[in-house]
C-alpha atoms as a PDB file:
ATOM      1  CA  MET A   1      -9.922  48.193   2.324  1.00  0.00           C
ATOM      2  CA  ALA A   2      -9.088  44.569   3.100  1.00  0.00           C
ATOM      3  CA  ASN A   3     -12.703  43.457   3.549  1.00  0.00           C
ATOM      4  CA  ARG A   4     -13.219  42.071   0.055  1.00  0.00           C
ATOM      5  CA  ASP A   5     -10.117  39.938   0.422  1.00  0.00           C
ATOM      6  CA  THR A   6     -11.557  38.195   3.462  1.00  0.00           C
ATOM      7  CA  ILE A   7     -14.676  36.914   1.701  1.00  0.00           C
ATOM      8  CA  TYR A   8     -13.836  33.432   0.477  1.00  0.00           C
ATOM      9  CA  ARG A   9     -15.910  31.404  -1.944  1.00  0.00           C
ATOM     10  CA  GLU A  10     -15.103  28.209  -0.004  1.00  0.00           C
ATOM     11  CA  LEU A  11     -16.706  29.720   3.121  1.00  0.00           C
ATOM     12  CA  ILE A  12     -20.077  30.382   1.528  1.00  0.00           C
ATOM     13  CA  GLN A  13     -22.767  27.952   2.612  1.00  0.00           C
ATOM     14  CA  LEU A  14     -26.171  28.004   0.979  1.00  0.00           C
ATOM     15  CA  ASP A  15     -29.249  26.450   2.542  1.00  0.00           C
ATOM     16  CA  TRP A  16     -27.419  24.692   5.330  1.00  0.00           C
ATOM     17  CA  GLU A  17     -29.707  22.623   7.494  1.00  0.00           C
ATOM     18  CA  VAL A  18     -29.068  23.024  11.202  1.00  0.00           C
ATOM     19  CA  ALA A  19     -31.413  22.419  14.121  1.00  0.00           C
ATOM     20  CA  ASP A  20     -30.133  25.334  16.169  1.00  0.00           C
ATOM     21  CA  GLN A  21     -27.347  27.776  16.830  1.00  0.00           C
ATOM     22  CA  THR A  22     -25.141  25.192  18.553  1.00  0.00           C
ATOM     23  CA  GLU A  23     -25.265  22.875  15.565  1.00  0.00           C
ATOM     24  CA  PHE A  24     -24.445  25.798  13.285  1.00  0.00           C
ATOM     25  CA  PHE A  25     -21.410  26.740  15.390  1.00  0.00           C
ATOM     26  CA  ASP A  26     -20.199  23.127  15.515  1.00  0.00           C
ATOM     27  CA  LYS A  27     -20.535  22.672  11.755  1.00  0.00           C
ATOM     28  CA  MET A  28     -19.022  26.029  10.905  1.00  0.00           C
ATOM     29  CA  ALA A  29     -16.126  25.728  13.366  1.00  0.00           C
ATOM     30  CA  ALA A  30     -15.293  22.248  12.038  1.00  0.00           C
ATOM     31  CA  LYS A  31     -15.206  23.573   8.477  1.00  0.00           C
ATOM     32  CA  LEU A  32     -13.124  26.647   9.395  1.00  0.00           C
ATOM     33  CA  GLU A  33     -10.676  24.537  11.365  1.00  0.00           C
ATOM     34  CA  LYS A  34     -10.319  21.965   8.586  1.00  0.00           C
ATOM     35  CA  LEU A  35      -9.596  24.738   6.059  1.00  0.00           C
ATOM     36  CA  GLY A  36      -7.028  26.358   8.330  1.00  0.00           C
ATOM     37  CA  TYR A  37      -8.824  29.590   9.266  1.00  0.00           C
ATOM     38  CA  VAL A  38      -9.211  28.972  12.999  1.00  0.00           C
ATOM     39  CA  LYS A  39      -7.595  27.121  15.910  1.00  0.00           C
ATOM     40  CA  ASP A  40      -9.207  24.188  17.691  1.00  0.00           C
ATOM     41  CA  THR A  41     -10.225  26.567  20.495  1.00  0.00           C
ATOM     42  CA  PHE A  42     -12.563  28.450  18.160  1.00  0.00           C
ATOM     43  CA  ALA A  43     -15.768  26.418  18.594  1.00  0.00           C
ATOM     44  CA  ASP A  44     -15.845  26.854  22.371  1.00  0.00           C
ATOM     45  CA  ALA A  45     -14.750  30.468  22.131  1.00  0.00           C
ATOM     46  CA  ILE A  46     -17.475  31.479  19.711  1.00  0.00           C
ATOM     47  CA  LYS A  47     -20.212  29.710  21.687  1.00  0.00           C
ATOM     48  CA  THR A  48     -19.078  31.340  24.927  1.00  0.00           C
ATOM     49  CA  ARG A  49     -18.843  34.762  23.348  1.00  0.00           C
ATOM     50  CA  GLU A  50     -22.247  34.415  21.711  1.00  0.00           C
ATOM     51  CA  ALA A  51     -23.825  33.329  25.002  1.00  0.00           C
ATOM     52  CA  ASN A  52     -22.445  36.449  26.705  1.00  0.00           C
ATOM     53  CA  PHE A  53     -22.703  38.866  23.794  1.00  0.00           C
ATOM     54  CA  PRO A  54     -25.419  37.792  21.354  1.00  0.00           C
ATOM     55  CA  THR A  55     -25.094  39.031  17.787  1.00  0.00           C
ATOM     56  CA  ALA A  56     -28.476  39.004  16.044  1.00  0.00           C
ATOM     57  CA  LEU A  57     -29.295  42.364  14.482  1.00  0.00           C
ATOM     58  CA  PRO A  58     -33.028  43.111  14.292  1.00  0.00           C
ATOM     59  CA  VAL A  59     -32.660  44.723  10.868  1.00  0.00           C
ATOM     60  CA  GLU A  60     -35.465  44.847   8.321  1.00  0.00           C
ATOM     61  CA  PRO A  61     -36.303  43.018   6.073  1.00  0.00           C
ATOM     62  CA  TYR A  62     -34.488  40.024   7.672  1.00  0.00           C
ATOM     63  CA  PRO A  63     -32.634  39.740  10.969  1.00  0.00           C
ATOM     64  CA  VAL A  64     -28.969  38.867  10.476  1.00  0.00           C
ATOM     65  CA  ALA A  65     -26.459  37.387  12.945  1.00  0.00           C
ATOM     66  CA  ILE A  66     -22.802  38.432  12.947  1.00  0.00           C
ATOM     67  CA  PRO A  67     -21.034  36.083  15.375  1.00  0.00           C
ATOM     68  CA  HIS A  68     -17.313  36.418  16.021  1.00  0.00           C
ATOM     69  CA  ALA A  69     -14.695  35.163  18.476  1.00  0.00           C
ATOM     70  CA  ASP A  70     -11.622  36.855  19.909  1.00  0.00           C
ATOM     71  CA  PRO A  71      -8.546  37.187  17.658  1.00  0.00           C
ATOM     72  CA  GLN A  72      -6.405  34.650  19.522  1.00  0.00           C
ATOM     73  CA  HIS A  73      -8.603  31.870  18.073  1.00  0.00           C
ATOM     74  CA  ILE A  74      -8.185  33.044  14.466  1.00  0.00           C
ATOM     75  CA  ILE A  75      -5.378  31.985  12.109  1.00  0.00           C
ATOM     76  CA  LYS A  76      -6.437  33.799   8.939  1.00  0.00           C
ATOM     77  CA  PRO A  77      -9.037  36.603   8.765  1.00  0.00           C
ATOM     78  CA  PHE A  78     -12.313  35.735   7.055  1.00  0.00           C
ATOM     79  CA  ILE A  79     -15.948  36.572   6.543  1.00  0.00           C
ATOM     80  CA  ALA A  80     -17.988  33.376   6.236  1.00  0.00           C
ATOM     81  CA  CYS A  81     -21.415  33.971   4.714  1.00  0.00           C
ATOM     82  CA  THR A  82     -24.176  31.463   5.348  1.00  0.00           C
ATOM     83  CA  ARG A  83     -27.801  31.223   4.304  1.00  0.00           C
ATOM     84  CA  LEU A  84     -29.698  28.646   6.319  1.00  0.00           C
ATOM     85  CA  LYS A  85     -32.446  26.545   4.801  1.00  0.00           C
ATOM     86  CA  ASN A  86     -34.658  27.187   7.817  1.00  0.00           C
ATOM     87  CA  PRO A  87     -34.186  29.998  10.319  1.00  0.00           C
ATOM     88  CA  VAL A  88     -32.898  29.306  13.832  1.00  0.00           C
ATOM     89  CA  LYS A  89     -33.526  31.269  17.045  1.00  0.00           C
ATOM     90  CA  TRP A  90     -30.829  33.810  17.800  1.00  0.00           C
ATOM     91  CA  CYS A  91     -30.644  36.317  20.652  1.00  0.00           C
ATOM     92  CA  GLU A  92     -30.509  39.995  19.818  1.00  0.00           C
ATOM     93  CA  MET A  93     -27.344  42.021  20.232  1.00  0.00           C
ATOM     94  CA  ALA A  94     -27.399  43.949  23.541  1.00  0.00           C
ATOM     95  CA  ASN A  95     -30.805  42.486  24.352  1.00  0.00           C
ATOM     96  CA  ASN A  96     -30.568  38.819  25.407  1.00  0.00           C
ATOM     97  CA  ASP A  97     -34.281  38.488  26.118  1.00  0.00           C
ATOM     98  CA  GLN A  98     -35.255  39.134  22.538  1.00  0.00           C
ATOM     99  CA  GLU A  99     -34.958  36.277  20.043  1.00  0.00           C
ATOM    100  CA  HIS A 100     -35.067  36.503  16.264  1.00  0.00           C
ATOM    101  CA  ASP A 101     -35.487  33.946  13.502  1.00  0.00           C
ATOM    102  CA  VAL A 102     -32.174  34.206  11.708  1.00  0.00           C
ATOM    103  CA  LYS A 103     -31.539  32.777   8.266  1.00  0.00           C
ATOM    104  CA  PHE A 104     -28.489  34.874   7.307  1.00  0.00           C
ATOM    105  CA  ILE A 105     -25.268  34.560   9.260  1.00  0.00           C
ATOM    106  CA  PHE A 106     -22.055  36.434   8.578  1.00  0.00           C
ATOM    107  CA  MET A 107     -19.363  34.917  10.759  1.00  0.00           C
ATOM    108  CA  LEU A 108     -16.418  37.257  11.152  1.00  0.00           C
ATOM    109  CA  GLY A 109     -12.833  36.332  11.933  1.00  0.00           C
ATOM    110  CA  PHE A 110     -10.543  39.235  12.785  1.00  0.00           C
ATOM    111  CA  LEU A 111      -6.910  39.208  13.774  1.00  0.00           C
ATOM    112  CA  GLY A 112      -6.645  42.771  15.098  1.00  0.00           C
ATOM    113  CA  GLY A 113      -8.045  42.803  18.602  1.00  0.00           C
ATOM    114  CA  HIS A 114      -9.201  45.629  20.792  1.00  0.00           C
ATOM    115  CA  ASP A 115      -5.553  46.194  21.812  1.00  0.00           C
ATOM    116  CA  ASP A 116      -4.647  46.835  18.203  1.00  0.00           C
ATOM    117  CA  PRO A 117      -6.155  50.221  17.340  1.00  0.00           C
ATOM    118  CA  ASN A 118      -6.244  49.503  13.613  1.00  0.00           C
ATOM    119  CA  GLY A 119      -7.758  46.069  14.042  1.00  0.00           C
ATOM    120  CA  ALA A 120     -10.563  47.359  16.223  1.00  0.00           C
ATOM    121  CA  ASN A 121     -11.351  50.208  13.834  1.00  0.00           C
ATOM    122  CA  GLU A 122     -11.430  47.969  10.804  1.00  0.00           C
ATOM    123  CA  HIS A 123     -13.750  45.666  12.656  1.00  0.00           C
ATOM    124  CA  VAL A 124     -16.141  48.479  13.641  1.00  0.00           C
ATOM    125  CA  GLU A 125     -16.018  49.926  10.150  1.00  0.00           C
ATOM    126  CA  LEU A 126     -16.855  46.565   8.602  1.00  0.00           C
ATOM    127  CA  LEU A 127     -19.760  46.064  11.013  1.00  0.00           C
ATOM    128  CA  GLN A 128     -21.152  49.473  10.067  1.00  0.00           C
ATOM    129  CA  ILE A 129     -20.863  48.647   6.359  1.00  0.00           C
ATOM    130  CA  LEU A 130     -22.614  45.307   6.862  1.00  0.00           C
ATOM    131  CA  VAL A 131     -25.416  46.723   9.011  1.00  0.00           C
ATOM    132  CA  THR A 132     -26.104  49.444   6.443  1.00  0.00           C
ATOM    133  CA  ASN A 133     -26.323  46.856   3.659  1.00  0.00           C
ATOM    134  CA  PHE A 134     -28.479  44.467   5.708  1.00  0.00           C
ATOM    135  CA  GLN A 135     -31.125  47.196   5.770  1.00  0.00           C
ATOM    136  CA  ASN A 136     -31.159  47.417   1.989  1.00  0.00           C
ATOM    137  CA  PRO A 137     -34.043  45.227   0.706  1.00  0.00           C
ATOM    138  CA  GLU A 138     -32.479  45.056  -2.755  1.00  0.00           C
ATOM    139  CA  ILE A 139     -29.249  43.530  -1.417  1.00  0.00           C
ATOM    140  CA  MET A 140     -31.133  41.180   0.909  1.00  0.00           C
ATOM    141  CA  ASP A 141     -33.366  40.018  -1.951  1.00  0.00           C
ATOM    142  CA  LYS A 142     -30.219  39.101  -3.894  1.00  0.00           C
ATOM    143  CA  LEU A 143     -29.095  37.019  -0.903  1.00  0.00           C
ATOM    144  CA  VAL A 144     -32.522  35.383  -0.680  1.00  0.00           C
ATOM    145  CA  ASN A 145     -32.700  34.599  -4.379  1.00  0.00           C
ATOM    146  CA  ALA A 146     -29.121  33.530  -5.115  1.00  0.00           C
ATOM    147  CA  LYS A 147     -29.229  30.046  -6.617  1.00  0.00           C
ATOM    148  CA  THR A 148     -25.525  29.232  -6.383  1.00  0.00           C
ATOM    149  CA  GLU A 149     -22.592  30.026  -4.132  1.00  0.00           C
ATOM    150  CA  ASP A 150     -21.151  32.163  -6.926  1.00  0.00           C
ATOM    151  CA  GLU A 151     -24.326  34.246  -7.143  1.00  0.00           C
ATOM    152  CA  TYR A 152     -24.354  34.574  -3.380  1.00  0.00           C
ATOM    153  CA  MET A 153     -20.747  35.720  -3.331  1.00  0.00           C
ATOM    154  CA  GLU A 154     -21.509  38.266  -6.060  1.00  0.00           C
ATOM    155  CA  ALA A 155     -24.429  39.562  -4.031  1.00  0.00           C
ATOM    156  CA  VAL A 156     -22.222  39.965  -0.971  1.00  0.00           C
ATOM    157  CA  LEU A 157     -19.499  41.673  -2.984  1.00  0.00           C
ATOM    158  CA  SER A 158     -22.081  44.060  -4.466  1.00  0.00           C
ATOM    159  CA  MET A 159     -22.637  45.518  -0.993  1.00  0.00           C
ATOM    160  CA  GLU A 160     -21.855  49.180  -0.837  1.00  0.00           C
ATOM    161  CA  GLY A 161     -18.609  49.995   0.938  1.00  0.00           C
ATOM    162  CA  LEU A 162     -17.036  46.542   0.692  1.00  0.00           C
END
């Protein structure tokens, strides 16, 4: 299971202040590009993909967004975990008309695309693991209450199946 290896401490952001989704994508893409995880095409790609295929999951207790872009924009696979200071509006997956206040964002960078059978499966498997954990109030409370990036990373790594 390669998932744990793609969660990097340097990609954890706690209590980021952004006005909206666009500002989040700009900030996050700039950071990912600077650190060598993505190409300079990533920011546009992720915004376009999100506009067409929104990624907020209406899970209880807190909605979570899992944005991702196509593999050709990724240099090194990653899961970037962010907790925003204040929630931003995010459209629901498969239901563009429904908006959620999202505070937790797990940005996913995969290399295996839909042409690569293993890549696609890994991707689906990871999404299932994440969605299951997002519905666990105990895990989500750890994410809410983490005081430091290290605590946040521990909380993420304590997710079942990762």
